Amino acid sequence: MKRTGRAVNLFLDSGAFSAWTQKTTINIKDYIAFIKEHEQRLVLYANLDVIGLGGKTPNEITAEQTLRNQKIMEEAGLHPLPCFHFGEPEKYLQYYVENYEYIALGVAGNSGNVLIPWLNRCFAEFICGDDGFPKVKVHGFAVTSLKIMLRYPWYSVDSTSWALTGGMGSIYVPRFKNGTWVYDENSWKVAVSSLNPKMKDAGQHISTIPLGEKQVILDYIHSKGYVLGKSEFKDVKPGYQLAENERWAEGKPMKKEENGKLTLDRSAKRKVEVLVEKGVSNMYQLRDELNIVYFQDLERFVPAWPWKFDKQNIQNGFDGLE
């Protein structure tokens, strides 16, 4: 995949959930200033939502503070995407649906078995009209489940799973049936990294899965313009200087002193990875690119917005989706 170097438009998340998990705060004045500095590049930016005040889960306090931040940003001349979270009073969702054209739902940290009833109610009672079509555009923060993506008429969703999956050494591969890549079923998540510990486990890595499945995965990789790649490994003596297309395959060797303190073992050999051919097996950047391609293809599979949410089947799980 060629890198064009062209400018891209961005959707800015405030980072409130990450800040909350890291027990830090974001100053709304700083957030407003950052948006104004980069506004020409931003097609959309979220309100500075509030999480965790008055308890571990969003509630009346967080909802009211989030709405207050929405008004502060609007008074500063901005037009942030309003945010409503799982656990907050529904009157705030109703307010956003009645007063905005584009809103966001925050679902991070909740499993599907609690999200489904909540999302059913959000879409059936507030977001969608009597005809089942959405009255507003809806963005889903941290929506990673394929079943949830396909069940509700989202306008947009976001997730970091593509980067986390690539960083952990794996790629997404769609199912292959009757000569076609299928996107309405859960994909394979295939470990391909040359440094992945699953290489030693039968059936857990592309190097140890059955040849038939391996060929399908390779066909997908090649069809998108990528290669698996090839690495070789060697042990080197202390003081070795890396050559071009080489990198350390393991951390610095450590040894435990008599007092229990760990120190660098300068006499130990160290393993080096030689990148014979760069590909998804030895370049996380290429895994990230390929995972983005998967989600771009998945996006083209989803019906064009707006599409109808079947209110009559909200008690039927995922409407037959497996």
Protein backbone atom coordinates (compact mmCIF):
# COMPACT_ATOMS: atom_id res chain seq x y z
CA MET A 1 0.00 0.00 0.00
CA LYS A 2 1.58 3.26 -1.11
CA ARG A 3 1.78 6.14 1.30
CA THR A 4 0.51 9.25 -0.49
CA GLY A 5 1.56 11.81 2.09
CA ARG A 6 -1.69 13.71 1.52
CA ALA A 7 -3.42 15.64 4.26
CA VAL A 8 -6.32 13.92 5.99
CA ASN A 9 -9.36 15.21 7.81
CA LEU A 10 -9.66 14.16 11.43
CA PHE A 11 -12.35 13.29 13.96
CA LEU A 12 -11.09 14.40 17.37
CA ASP A 13 -12.06 12.47 20.50
CA SER A 14 -11.56 14.45 23.69
CA GLY A 15 -9.76 11.53 25.33
CA ALA A 16 -11.96 11.78 28.41
CA PHE A 17 -12.30 8.02 28.85
CA SER A 18 -8.53 7.50 28.60
CA ALA A 19 -7.95 10.36 31.03
CA TRP A 20 -10.41 8.83 33.48
CA THR A 21 -8.74 5.40 33.33
CA GLN A 22 -5.37 7.06 33.93
CA LYS A 23 -6.78 9.15 36.80
CA THR A 24 -5.96 12.47 35.19
CA THR A 25 -8.06 15.39 33.96
CA ILE A 26 -8.41 17.50 30.82
CA ASN A 27 -8.83 21.24 31.15
CA ILE A 28 -11.72 22.41 28.98
CA LYS A 29 -10.00 25.71 28.18
CA ASP A 30 -6.97 23.83 26.89
CA TYR A 31 -9.24 21.53 24.88
CA ILE A 32 -11.04 24.49 23.30
CA ALA A 33 -7.73 26.17 22.47
CA PHE A 34 -6.41 22.97 20.86
CA ILE A 35 -9.52 22.65 18.69
CA LYS A 36 -9.33 26.26 17.54
CA GLU A 37 -5.66 25.83 16.67
CA HIS A 38 -6.36 22.77 14.50
CA GLU A 39 -9.97 23.38 13.46
CA GLN A 40 -9.19 23.48 9.74
CA ARG A 41 -8.09 19.84 9.88
CA LEU A 42 -11.01 18.66 12.00
CA VAL A 43 -14.19 17.52 10.29
CA LEU A 44 -15.67 16.71 13.68
CA TYR A 45 -14.73 16.92 17.35
CA ALA A 46 -16.42 15.51 20.42
CA ASN A 47 -17.58 17.35 23.48
CA LEU A 48 -15.34 17.07 26.54
CA ASP A 49 -17.50 14.46 28.23
CA VAL A 50 -17.24 13.73 31.94
CA ILE A 51 -16.82 10.22 33.33
CA GLY A 52 -16.60 8.95 36.88
CA LEU A 53 -17.81 11.87 39.00
CA GLY A 54 -19.95 10.70 41.89
CA GLY A 55 -19.24 7.04 41.23
CA LYS A 56 -17.53 4.60 38.90
CA THR A 57 -20.27 4.69 36.26
CA PRO A 58 -21.84 7.66 34.44
CA ASN A 59 -24.91 9.05 36.17
CA GLU A 60 -26.88 12.27 36.73
CA ILE A 61 -23.77 14.13 37.88
CA THR A 62 -21.64 13.15 34.89
CA ALA A 63 -24.51 13.78 32.46
CA GLU A 64 -25.13 17.28 33.82
CA GLN A 65 -21.43 18.17 33.76
CA THR A 66 -21.10 16.81 30.22
CA LEU A 67 -24.02 18.96 29.09
CA ARG A 68 -22.47 21.96 30.85
CA ASN A 69 -19.24 21.39 28.93
CA GLN A 70 -21.26 21.19 25.71
CA LYS A 71 -22.67 24.67 26.42
CA ILE A 72 -19.26 26.08 27.37
CA MET A 73 -17.78 24.91 24.08
CA GLU A 74 -20.73 26.26 22.11
CA GLU A 75 -20.40 29.64 23.84
CA ALA A 76 -16.77 29.62 22.69
CA GLY A 77 -18.00 29.38 19.09
CA LEU A 78 -17.48 25.64 18.66
CA HIS A 79 -19.89 22.92 17.55
CA PRO A 80 -18.87 19.74 19.40
CA LEU A 81 -20.57 16.38 19.04
CA PRO A 82 -22.75 15.87 22.16
CA CYS A 83 -22.10 12.67 24.10
CA PHE A 84 -24.48 10.41 26.02
CA HIS A 85 -23.15 7.48 28.07
CA PHE A 86 -24.39 4.13 29.25
CA GLY A 87 -25.86 4.59 32.72
CA GLU A 88 -26.92 8.24 32.38
CA PRO A 89 -30.57 9.37 32.70
CA GLU A 90 -32.43 9.04 29.42
CA LYS A 91 -33.74 12.61 29.56
CA TYR A 92 -30.30 13.73 28.36
CA LEU A 93 -30.47 11.43 25.35
CA GLN A 94 -33.93 12.78 24.56
CA TYR A 95 -32.60 16.34 24.78
CA TYR A 96 -29.73 15.60 22.39
CA VAL A 97 -32.00 13.84 19.88
CA GLU A 98 -34.40 16.80 19.90
CA ASN A 99 -31.74 19.50 19.61
CA TYR A 100 -28.88 18.10 17.52
CA GLU A 101 -28.42 16.43 14.14
CA TYR A 102 -25.43 14.29 15.15
CA ILE A 103 -24.83 12.75 18.59
CA ALA A 104 -22.56 10.14 20.17
CA LEU A 105 -23.16 7.17 22.45
CA GLY A 106 -20.43 6.07 24.84
CA VAL A 107 -20.35 2.33 25.51
CA ALA A 108 -16.74 1.73 26.60
CA GLY A 109 -16.18 -0.78 29.40
CA ASN A 110 -19.50 -2.60 29.03
CA SER A 111 -20.09 -6.12 27.71
CA GLY A 112 -22.61 -7.02 25.05
CA ASN A 113 -25.08 -8.68 27.40
CA VAL A 114 -25.72 -5.36 29.17
CA LEU A 115 -25.27 -3.15 26.13
CA ILE A 116 -27.85 -4.88 23.94
CA PRO A 117 -30.91 -4.09 26.13
CA TRP A 118 -29.63 -0.51 26.60
CA LEU A 119 -28.95 0.06 22.90
CA ASN A 120 -32.30 -1.53 22.02
CA ARG A 121 -34.04 1.07 24.17
CA CYS A 122 -31.87 3.98 22.97
CA PHE A 123 -32.59 3.27 19.30
CA ALA A 124 -36.18 2.06 19.62
CA GLU A 125 -37.48 4.68 22.05
CA PHE A 126 -35.41 7.78 21.29
CA ILE A 127 -33.19 7.68 18.23
CA CYS A 128 -35.46 6.03 15.66
CA GLY A 129 -38.90 7.22 14.64
CA ASP A 130 -42.06 5.15 14.32
CA ASP A 131 -40.88 3.98 10.90
CA GLY A 132 -37.64 2.60 12.40
CA PHE A 133 -35.37 5.08 10.63
CA PRO A 134 -32.95 7.16 12.74
CA LYS A 135 -33.94 10.77 13.35
CA VAL A 136 -30.33 11.79 13.97
CA LYS A 137 -26.86 10.63 13.03
CA VAL A 138 -25.28 8.52 15.78
CA HIS A 139 -21.59 7.87 16.45
CA GLY A 140 -20.62 4.87 18.56
CA PHE A 141 -17.57 5.39 20.76
CA ALA A 142 -15.58 2.17 21.28
CA VAL A 143 -17.98 0.06 19.21
CA THR A 144 -15.88 -2.98 18.33
CA SER A 145 -18.42 -5.81 18.12
CA LEU A 146 -19.36 -6.74 14.56
CA LYS A 147 -22.78 -7.84 15.79
CA ILE A 148 -23.45 -4.47 17.38
CA MET A 149 -22.16 -2.61 14.35
CA LEU A 150 -24.53 -4.49 12.06
CA ARG A 151 -27.55 -4.45 14.35
CA TYR A 152 -28.00 -0.68 14.77
CA PRO A 153 -28.08 2.10 12.14
CA TRP A 154 -24.93 3.88 13.24
CA TYR A 155 -23.74 6.76 11.10
CA SER A 156 -20.17 6.20 12.33
CA VAL A 157 -18.20 4.22 14.91
CA ASP A 158 -14.65 4.19 16.20
CA SER A 159 -12.35 1.74 17.89
CA THR A 160 -8.65 1.23 18.59
CA SER A 161 -8.91 -2.53 18.01
CA TRP A 162 -7.17 -2.29 14.62
CA ALA A 163 -4.05 -0.81 16.25
CA LEU A 164 -4.16 -3.01 19.36
CA THR A 165 -4.55 -6.12 17.22
CA GLY A 166 -1.65 -5.14 14.97
CA GLY A 167 0.53 -4.22 17.92
CA MET A 168 -0.11 -7.63 19.47
CA GLY A 169 1.06 -9.32 16.28
CA SER A 170 -2.22 -10.21 14.56
CA ILE A 171 -4.31 -9.22 11.54
CA TYR A 172 -8.00 -9.39 10.69
CA VAL A 173 -8.93 -11.71 7.83
CA PRO A 174 -12.54 -11.98 6.59
CA ARG A 175 -14.15 -15.38 6.17
CA PHE A 176 -13.99 -16.86 2.68
CA LYS A 177 -17.07 -18.64 1.32
CA ASN A 178 -18.00 -19.68 -2.22
CA GLY A 179 -15.16 -17.65 -3.68
CA THR A 180 -16.08 -14.46 -1.81
CA TRP A 181 -14.73 -12.62 1.21
CA VAL A 182 -17.57 -12.46 3.74
CA TYR A 183 -17.91 -9.50 6.12
CA ASP A 184 -21.15 -10.24 7.97
CA GLU A 185 -19.48 -12.94 10.06
CA ASN A 186 -16.79 -12.53 12.68
CA SER A 187 -13.41 -12.37 11.04
CA TRP A 188 -10.38 -14.49 11.76
CA LYS A 189 -7.86 -12.80 14.01
CA VAL A 190 -4.65 -14.42 12.83
CA ALA A 191 -1.35 -14.23 14.70
CA VAL A 192 1.37 -13.54 12.11
CA SER A 193 4.18 -11.81 13.98
CA SER A 194 7.61 -13.37 13.74
CA LEU A 195 8.01 -12.63 17.45
CA ASN A 196 4.61 -13.90 18.58
CA PRO A 197 4.89 -16.54 21.34
CA LYS A 198 1.94 -18.40 19.76
CA MET A 199 4.31 -19.63 17.04
CA LYS A 200 5.05 -22.60 19.29
CA ASP A 201 1.38 -23.57 19.70
CA ALA A 202 -0.21 -25.76 17.05
CA GLY A 203 -2.99 -23.98 15.21
CA GLN A 204 -2.41 -20.64 16.99
CA HIS A 205 -0.14 -18.96 14.43
CA ILE A 206 -0.06 -18.74 10.65
CA SER A 207 3.04 -20.93 10.70
CA THR A 208 1.23 -23.75 12.51
CA ILE A 209 -2.32 -23.70 11.08
CA PRO A 210 -3.47 -26.24 8.46
CA LEU A 211 -2.14 -25.58 4.97
CA GLY A 212 -5.59 -24.99 3.48
CA GLU A 213 -6.42 -22.23 5.94
CA LYS A 214 -2.93 -20.79 5.62
CA GLN A 215 -3.31 -20.48 1.85
CA VAL A 216 -6.61 -18.63 2.22
CA ILE A 217 -4.98 -16.17 4.62
CA LEU A 218 -2.00 -15.68 2.32
CA ASP A 219 -4.35 -15.12 -0.63
CA TYR A 220 -6.10 -12.38 1.33
CA ILE A 221 -2.81 -10.72 2.32
CA HIS A 222 -1.59 -10.79 -1.28
CA SER A 223 -4.92 -9.58 -2.67
CA LYS A 224 -4.52 -6.39 -0.66
CA GLY A 225 -1.02 -5.74 -1.93
CA TYR A 226 0.92 -7.00 1.08
CA VAL A 227 3.24 -9.94 1.77
CA LEU A 228 3.76 -12.09 4.83
CA GLY A 229 7.45 -11.23 5.03
CA LYS A 230 10.42 -13.28 6.17
CA SER A 231 12.80 -13.04 9.11
CA GLU A 232 15.88 -14.92 10.20
CA PHE A 233 17.34 -14.97 13.70
CA LYS A 234 20.85 -15.19 15.06
CA ASP A 235 22.59 -14.98 18.40
CA VAL A 236 25.26 -12.28 18.65
CA LYS A 237 27.99 -11.54 21.15
CA PRO A 238 27.97 -8.60 23.58
CA GLY A 239 28.78 -5.27 21.93
CA TYR A 240 27.26 -6.25 18.58
CA GLN A 241 26.22 -3.30 16.39
CA LEU A 242 22.99 -3.74 14.43
CA ALA A 243 23.30 -3.69 10.65
CA GLU A 244 20.72 -2.38 8.21
CA ASN A 245 17.44 -4.36 8.31
CA GLU A 246 18.31 -5.78 11.72
CA ARG A 247 16.73 -5.23 15.10
CA TRP A 248 16.88 -6.74 18.55
CA ALA A 249 14.49 -9.65 18.91
CA GLU A 250 14.46 -9.54 22.68
CA GLY A 251 15.07 -7.13 25.51
CA LYS A 252 18.43 -6.49 27.09
CA PRO A 253 19.69 -9.56 29.00
CA MET A 254 19.40 -9.10 32.74
CA LYS A 255 20.83 -11.00 35.68
CA LYS A 256 19.90 -11.09 39.33
CA GLU A 257 22.54 -10.08 41.83
CA GLU A 258 22.89 -11.69 45.26
CA ASN A 259 20.85 -8.88 46.81
CA GLY A 260 18.01 -9.66 44.38
CA LYS A 261 18.59 -6.55 42.26
CA LEU A 262 18.38 -6.94 38.47
CA THR A 263 21.32 -5.57 36.47
CA LEU A 264 22.36 -5.65 32.84
CA ASP A 265 24.27 -8.81 31.94
CA ARG A 266 26.98 -7.46 29.64
CA SER A 267 28.46 -10.93 29.05
CA ALA A 268 25.31 -12.59 27.68
CA LYS A 269 24.57 -13.23 24.03
CA ARG A 270 21.53 -11.57 22.49
CA LYS A 271 19.14 -12.52 19.71
CA VAL A 272 18.85 -10.40 16.56
CA GLU A 273 16.07 -10.47 13.96
CA VAL A 274 17.18 -10.00 10.35
CA LEU A 275 14.39 -8.60 8.16
CA VAL A 276 14.99 -10.59 4.97
CA GLU A 277 11.68 -9.41 3.47
CA LYS A 278 9.52 -6.79 5.15
CA GLY A 279 5.89 -7.77 5.54
CA VAL A 280 3.06 -8.12 8.05
CA SER A 281 5.00 -10.74 10.00
CA ASN A 282 7.78 -8.35 10.98
CA MET A 283 6.39 -4.81 10.53
CA TYR A 284 3.59 -3.70 12.86
CA GLN A 285 3.03 -0.65 10.64
CA LEU A 286 2.03 -2.95 7.77
CA ARG A 287 -0.24 -4.95 10.07
CA ASP A 288 -1.93 -1.69 11.07
CA GLU A 289 -2.40 -0.73 7.42
CA LEU A 290 -3.89 -4.10 6.53
CA ASN A 291 -6.24 -3.96 9.51
CA ILE A 292 -7.42 -0.52 8.39
CA VAL A 293 -8.08 -1.97 4.93
CA TYR A 294 -10.21 -4.68 6.54
CA PHE A 295 -12.39 -2.09 8.28
CA GLN A 296 -12.64 -0.02 5.10
CA ASP A 297 -13.95 -3.09 3.30
CA LEU A 298 -16.32 -3.81 6.18
CA GLU A 299 -17.63 -0.25 5.93
CA ARG A 300 -18.51 -0.80 2.27
CA PHE A 301 -20.46 -3.92 3.27
CA VAL A 302 -22.66 -2.07 5.78
CA PRO A 303 -25.91 -0.68 4.29
CA ALA A 304 -25.82 2.98 3.31
CA TRP A 305 -27.11 5.23 6.10
CA PRO A 306 -29.91 5.74 6.99
CA TRP A 307 -31.32 2.25 7.24
CA LYS A 308 -34.19 0.86 9.24
CA PHE A 309 -33.87 -0.58 12.73
CA ASP A 310 -36.36 -3.40 13.17
CA LYS A 311 -38.06 -2.51 16.44
CA GLN A 312 -40.21 -5.63 16.31
CA ASN A 313 -37.19 -7.88 16.80
CA ILE A 314 -35.46 -6.13 19.71
CA GLN A 315 -36.16 -9.14 21.93
CA ASN A 316 -34.53 -11.55 19.49
CA GLY A 317 -30.88 -11.15 20.36
CA PHE A 318 -28.93 -10.23 17.26
CA ASP A 319 -31.71 -10.95 14.76
CA GLY A 320 -30.16 -14.23 13.73
CA LEU A 321 -26.60 -12.91 13.37
CA GLU A 322 -24.08 -15.40 14.70
